[in-house]
Protein backbone atom coordinates (compact mmCIF):
# COMPACT_ATOMS: atom_id res chain seq x y z
CA UNK A 1 0.00 0.00 0.00
CA UNK A 2 2.94 2.38 0.31
CA UNK A 3 3.61 5.13 2.82
CA UNK A 4 0.83 6.31 5.12
CA UNK A 5 1.07 9.25 7.50
CA UNK A 6 0.18 8.91 11.17
CA UNK A 7 -1.25 12.42 11.21
CA UNK A 8 -0.59 14.93 13.95
CA UNK A 9 -3.64 16.77 15.26
CA UNK A 10 -3.00 20.52 14.94
CA UNK A 11 -4.09 22.58 17.94
CA UNK A 12 -4.57 26.32 18.27
CA UNK A 13 -2.69 28.22 20.95
CA UNK A 14 -5.75 27.92 23.20
CA UNK A 15 -5.58 24.12 22.90
CA UNK A 16 -8.61 23.64 20.65
CA UNK A 17 -8.42 21.56 17.47
CA UNK A 18 -7.29 23.75 14.57
CA UNK A 19 -9.64 22.55 11.84
CA UNK A 20 -8.35 24.82 9.03
CA UNK A 21 -4.78 23.67 9.75
CA UNK A 22 -5.86 20.02 9.70
CA UNK A 23 -7.69 20.56 6.41
CA UNK A 24 -4.55 22.16 4.95
CA UNK A 25 -2.30 19.40 6.31
CA UNK A 26 -4.41 16.68 4.70
CA UNK A 27 -4.33 18.41 1.32
CA UNK A 28 -0.58 19.00 1.57
CA UNK A 29 0.00 15.33 2.40
CA UNK A 30 -2.00 14.13 -0.59
CA UNK A 31 -0.37 16.66 -2.93
CA UNK A 32 3.01 15.28 -1.86
CA UNK A 33 2.23 11.69 -2.74
CA UNK A 34 1.17 10.06 0.53
CA UNK A 35 -0.61 6.75 -0.11
CA UNK A 36 -3.03 6.79 2.85
CA UNK A 37 -3.74 8.71 6.06
CA UNK A 38 -4.13 7.59 9.67
CA UNK A 39 -5.74 10.22 11.93
CA UNK A 40 -6.24 9.86 15.68
CA UNK A 41 -3.42 7.46 16.41
CA UNK A 42 -0.52 7.90 18.82
CA UNK A 43 0.95 10.75 16.77
CA UNK A 44 -2.48 12.38 16.63
CA UNK A 45 -2.62 12.57 20.45
CA UNK A 46 -5.89 10.63 20.34
CA UNK A 47 -5.77 9.85 24.04
CA UNK A 48 -6.12 13.57 24.81
CA UNK A 49 -9.11 14.13 22.51
CA UNK A 50 -12.67 14.03 23.74
CA UNK A 51 -14.90 11.56 21.95
CA UNK A 52 -16.61 14.42 20.11
CA UNK A 53 -13.24 15.84 18.99
CA UNK A 54 -12.03 12.39 17.93
CA UNK A 55 -15.08 11.86 15.72
CA UNK A 56 -14.83 15.38 14.33
CA UNK A 57 -11.16 14.94 13.41
CA UNK A 58 -11.91 11.69 11.60
CA UNK A 59 -14.89 13.24 9.78
CA UNK A 60 -12.81 16.23 8.73
CA UNK A 61 -9.95 14.08 7.43
CA UNK A 62 -12.34 11.83 5.50
CA UNK A 63 -14.24 14.82 4.11
CA UNK A 64 -11.08 16.66 3.07
CA UNK A 65 -9.60 13.55 1.50
CA UNK A 66 -12.71 13.09 -0.61
CA UNK A 67 -11.74 9.57 -1.64
CA UNK A 68 -8.35 10.57 -3.04
CA UNK A 69 -6.51 8.24 -0.65
CA UNK A 70 -7.66 5.67 1.92
CA UNK A 71 -8.19 6.76 5.54
CA UNK A 72 -7.76 4.41 8.51
CA UNK A 73 -8.98 6.01 11.74
CA UNK A 74 -7.52 5.27 15.13
CA UNK A 75 -9.96 3.30 17.29
CA UNK A 76 -8.27 2.31 20.54
CA UNK A 77 -9.49 1.90 24.10
CA UNK A 78 -8.42 -0.31 26.98
CA UNK A 79 -12.03 -1.22 27.78
CA UNK A 80 -13.27 -3.59 25.11
CA UNK A 81 -16.86 -2.39 25.30
CA UNK A 82 -15.67 1.20 24.70
CA UNK A 83 -13.52 0.16 21.74
CA UNK A 84 -16.52 -1.70 20.33
CA UNK A 85 -18.74 1.37 20.79
CA UNK A 86 -16.18 3.51 18.97
CA UNK A 87 -15.96 1.02 16.11
CA UNK A 88 -19.75 1.24 15.77
CA UNK A 89 -19.53 5.04 15.55
CA UNK A 90 -16.78 4.98 12.95
CA UNK A 91 -18.85 2.60 10.84
CA UNK A 92 -21.31 5.42 10.28
CA UNK A 93 -18.76 7.76 8.68
CA UNK A 94 -19.31 7.58 4.95
CA UNK A 95 -16.07 7.26 3.03
CA UNK A 96 -13.92 5.94 5.88
CA UNK A 97 -11.73 3.10 4.60
CA UNK A 98 -11.04 1.26 7.84
CA UNK A 99 -9.82 1.46 11.42
CA UNK A 100 -6.52 1.05 13.23
CA UNK A 101 -6.77 -0.43 16.71
CA UNK A 102 -3.88 -0.71 19.19
CA UNK A 103 -3.32 -3.11 22.05
CA UNK A 104 -5.46 -2.37 25.11
CA UNK A 105 -3.21 -0.16 27.22
CA UNK A 106 -2.50 -0.20 30.98
CA UNK A 107 -4.51 -3.40 31.65
CA UNK A 108 -1.68 -5.49 30.17
CA UNK A 109 -3.90 -8.38 29.01
CA UNK A 110 -2.42 -11.71 28.01
CA UNK A 111 -2.61 -13.17 24.53
CA UNK A 112 -6.12 -14.61 24.96
CA UNK A 113 -7.43 -11.32 26.32
CA UNK A 114 -5.96 -9.44 23.37
CA UNK A 115 -7.37 -11.97 20.92
CA UNK A 116 -10.87 -11.63 22.35
CA UNK A 117 -10.55 -7.84 22.48
CA UNK A 118 -9.53 -7.46 18.83
CA UNK A 119 -12.08 -10.05 17.71
CA UNK A 120 -14.83 -8.06 19.43
CA UNK A 121 -13.69 -4.85 17.74
CA UNK A 122 -13.61 -6.53 14.33
CA UNK A 123 -17.04 -8.07 14.83
CA UNK A 124 -18.45 -4.63 15.69
CA UNK A 125 -17.83 -3.26 12.21
CA UNK A 126 -17.77 -4.27 8.56
CA UNK A 127 -14.83 -1.92 8.00
CA UNK A 128 -11.38 -3.41 7.41
CA UNK A 129 -9.30 -3.49 10.60
CA UNK A 130 -5.57 -2.94 10.97
CA UNK A 131 -4.12 -4.18 14.24
CA UNK A 132 -1.55 -1.95 15.91
CA UNK A 133 1.13 -3.55 18.05
CA UNK A 134 3.00 -0.93 20.07
CA UNK A 135 4.15 -2.52 23.32
CA UNK A 136 6.38 0.43 24.24
CA UNK A 137 3.26 2.56 24.66
CA UNK A 138 0.69 0.01 25.78
CA UNK A 139 2.72 -2.27 28.02
CA UNK A 140 1.80 -5.48 26.23
CA UNK A 141 3.00 -7.28 23.10
CA UNK A 142 0.80 -8.93 20.47
CA UNK A 143 2.64 -12.12 19.60
CA UNK A 144 2.77 -13.60 16.08
CA UNK A 145 0.74 -16.67 17.06
CA UNK A 146 -2.09 -14.42 18.25
CA UNK A 147 -1.86 -12.28 15.12
CA UNK A 148 -2.20 -15.43 13.00
CA UNK A 149 -5.40 -16.36 14.86
CA UNK A 150 -6.75 -12.85 14.31
CA UNK A 151 -5.80 -12.96 10.63
CA UNK A 152 -8.42 -15.68 10.20
CA UNK A 153 -11.12 -13.08 10.88
CA UNK A 154 -12.28 -11.80 7.52
CA UNK A 155 -12.06 -8.05 8.07
CA UNK A 156 -8.75 -8.04 9.98
CA UNK A 157 -6.51 -7.29 7.03
CA UNK A 158 -3.14 -6.38 8.49
CA UNK A 159 -1.03 -4.92 11.26
CA UNK A 160 1.09 -1.89 12.04
CA UNK A 161 4.08 -3.45 13.78
CA UNK A 162 5.85 -1.09 16.20
CA UNK A 163 7.49 -3.63 18.48
CA UNK A 164 10.92 -2.92 17.01
CA UNK A 165 11.58 -6.66 17.23
CA UNK A 166 12.81 -7.66 13.78
CA UNK A 167 12.79 -11.37 14.67
CA UNK A 168 9.13 -11.17 15.66
CA UNK A 169 8.25 -9.19 12.54
CA UNK A 170 10.12 -11.68 10.36
CA UNK A 171 8.25 -14.57 11.95
CA UNK A 172 4.98 -12.84 11.20
CA UNK A 173 5.91 -12.06 7.60
CA UNK A 174 6.97 -15.64 6.93
CA UNK A 175 3.92 -17.30 8.48
CA UNK A 176 0.97 -14.96 7.83
CA UNK A 177 -1.22 -15.34 4.74
CA UNK A 178 0.14 -13.41 1.75
CA UNK A 179 -3.00 -11.27 1.74
CA UNK A 180 -2.31 -10.10 5.32
CA UNK A 181 -0.50 -6.75 5.21
CA UNK A 182 2.34 -5.98 7.60
CA UNK A 183 3.36 -2.32 7.89
CA UNK A 184 6.45 -1.01 9.58
CA UNK A 185 5.33 1.23 12.43
CA UNK A 186 8.72 2.91 12.88
CA UNK A 187 10.40 5.03 10.20
CA UNK A 188 13.78 3.49 10.93
CA UNK A 189 12.38 0.00 10.33
CA UNK A 190 10.76 0.74 6.97
CA UNK A 191 13.41 -0.70 4.67
CA UNK A 192 14.09 -3.90 6.66
CA UNK A 193 10.37 -4.64 6.95
CA UNK A 194 9.71 -4.00 3.26
CA UNK A 195 12.75 -6.10 2.30
CA UNK A 196 11.23 -8.98 4.26
CA UNK A 197 7.89 -8.64 2.46
CA UNK A 198 6.12 -5.82 4.28
CA UNK A 199 3.42 -3.73 2.60
CA UNK A 200 4.88 -0.34 3.51
CA UNK A 201 5.19 2.12 6.35
CA UNK A 202 2.91 4.11 8.64
CA UNK A 203 5.16 7.09 9.27
CA UNK A 204 5.71 9.90 11.73
CA UNK A 205 8.38 11.60 9.63
CA UNK A 206 6.05 11.93 6.64
CA UNK A 207 4.11 14.59 8.52
CA UNK A 208 7.06 16.88 7.79
CA UNK A 209 8.64 15.26 4.70
CA UNK A 210 5.78 13.44 2.92
CA UNK A 211 7.31 13.53 -0.57
CA UNK A 212 10.64 12.16 0.61
CA UNK A 213 9.20 9.35 2.72
CA UNK A 214 6.76 8.41 -0.05
CA UNK A 215 9.63 8.28 -2.53
CA UNK A 216 11.71 6.10 -0.21
CA UNK A 217 8.92 3.60 0.46
CA UNK A 218 7.88 3.58 -3.19
CA UNK A 219 11.42 2.85 -4.33
CA UNK A 220 11.74 -0.01 -1.84
CA UNK A 221 8.44 -1.55 -2.92
CA UNK A 222 9.62 -1.35 -6.53
CA UNK A 223 12.91 -3.05 -5.60
CA UNK A 224 14.93 0.07 -6.40
CA UNK A 225 17.06 -0.40 -3.32
CA UNK A 226 19.80 2.00 -4.39
CA UNK A 227 17.29 4.87 -4.43
CA UNK A 228 15.57 3.71 -1.25
CA UNK A 229 18.86 3.49 0.64
CA UNK A 230 19.97 6.88 -0.65
CA UNK A 231 16.82 8.58 0.66
CA UNK A 232 16.98 6.64 3.92
CA UNK A 233 20.60 7.68 4.42
CA UNK A 234 19.79 11.34 3.72
CA UNK A 235 16.83 11.58 6.12
CA UNK A 236 17.62 8.95 8.73
CA UNK A 237 18.86 11.46 11.31
CA UNK A 238 15.63 13.41 11.00
CA UNK A 239 13.65 10.18 11.45
CA UNK A 240 15.59 9.56 14.65
CA UNK A 241 15.23 13.17 15.75
CA UNK A 242 11.46 12.80 15.86
CA UNK A 243 11.98 10.63 18.95
CA UNK A 244 14.58 12.71 20.80
CA UNK A 245 11.71 13.58 23.12
CA UNK A 246 8.32 11.87 23.49
CA UNK A 247 6.46 11.86 20.18
CA UNK A 248 4.75 13.83 18.69
CA UNK A 249 6.48 16.84 20.27
CA UNK A 250 9.56 16.74 17.99
CA UNK A 251 7.64 16.34 14.73
CA UNK A 252 5.30 19.17 15.73
CA UNK A 253 8.37 21.31 16.39
CA UNK A 254 9.75 20.43 12.95
CA UNK A 255 6.43 21.27 11.32
CA UNK A 256 6.50 24.65 13.06
CA UNK A 257 10.07 25.25 11.86
CA UNK A 258 8.90 24.51 8.32
CA UNK A 259 6.13 27.08 8.64
CA UNK A 260 3.35 24.59 9.13
CA UNK A 261 1.36 25.94 12.05
CA UNK A 262 2.37 26.00 15.73
CA UNK A 263 3.75 23.23 17.92
CA UNK A 264 1.02 23.14 20.53
CA UNK A 265 0.40 19.86 22.39
CA UNK A 266 -2.07 18.84 25.08
CA UNK A 267 -0.96 17.88 28.54
CA UNK A 268 0.52 15.61 29.62
CA UNK A 269 2.48 16.05 26.36
CA UNK A 270 4.57 19.22 26.20
CA UNK A 271 6.61 20.96 23.48
CA UNK A 272 10.27 20.06 23.13
CA UNK A 273 12.90 21.78 25.24
CA UNK A 274 14.81 24.76 23.91
CA UNK A 275 17.94 22.60 23.55
CA UNK A 276 16.11 19.99 21.48
CA UNK A 277 14.49 22.70 19.38
CA UNK A 278 17.93 24.08 18.51
CA UNK A 279 19.15 20.60 17.56
CA UNK A 280 16.08 20.03 15.40
CA UNK A 281 16.63 23.35 13.67
CA UNK A 282 20.20 22.33 12.91
CA UNK A 283 19.12 19.01 11.40
CA UNK A 284 16.36 20.59 9.34
CA UNK A 285 18.71 23.34 8.18
CA UNK A 286 21.43 20.89 7.17
CA UNK A 287 18.87 19.06 5.03
CA UNK A 288 18.08 22.30 3.22
CA UNK A 289 14.44 22.21 4.27
CA UNK A 290 14.45 25.70 5.75
CA UNK A 291 15.38 27.24 2.39
CA UNK A 292 11.84 26.72 1.11
CA UNK A 293 10.43 28.49 4.14
CA UNK A 294 12.70 31.48 3.66
CA UNK A 295 11.95 31.62 -0.06
CA UNK A 296 8.19 31.44 0.30
CA UNK A 297 7.83 33.50 3.48
CA UNK A 298 4.21 33.88 4.51
CA UNK A 299 2.98 31.39 1.92
CA UNK A 300 4.15 28.43 3.98
CA UNK A 301 3.12 29.57 7.44
CA UNK A 302 -0.13 27.61 7.40
CA UNK A 303 0.79 24.87 4.92
Foldseek 3Di string as FASTA:
>chain_A
DFEEEADAFDADPVGHGDLVLLLVLLVVLVVLPGAEYEYLDVQNVVVPDDPVVLVVSQLSSQVSCVLVHAYAYEQEELDLVSSLVVLLVVQPRPRHQYYEYEARAPVQDDLVVRLVSVVSNCVSHPHAYEYEAACVGRVYGHALVSVQVSLVPVRDAEYADAPPDLVRLLVNLVPHPLRRAYEHAALLCFLVNVVSPHPYYHAHLCSQVSNLSRQLRVCSNVVVVVSNVVSCVLCVVVSVLCVPDPPPQRSQLSCQLLLAHHRDDDPPDGHDDPVSSVVNVVSCVVSVSNVVCVVVPPVRNHD
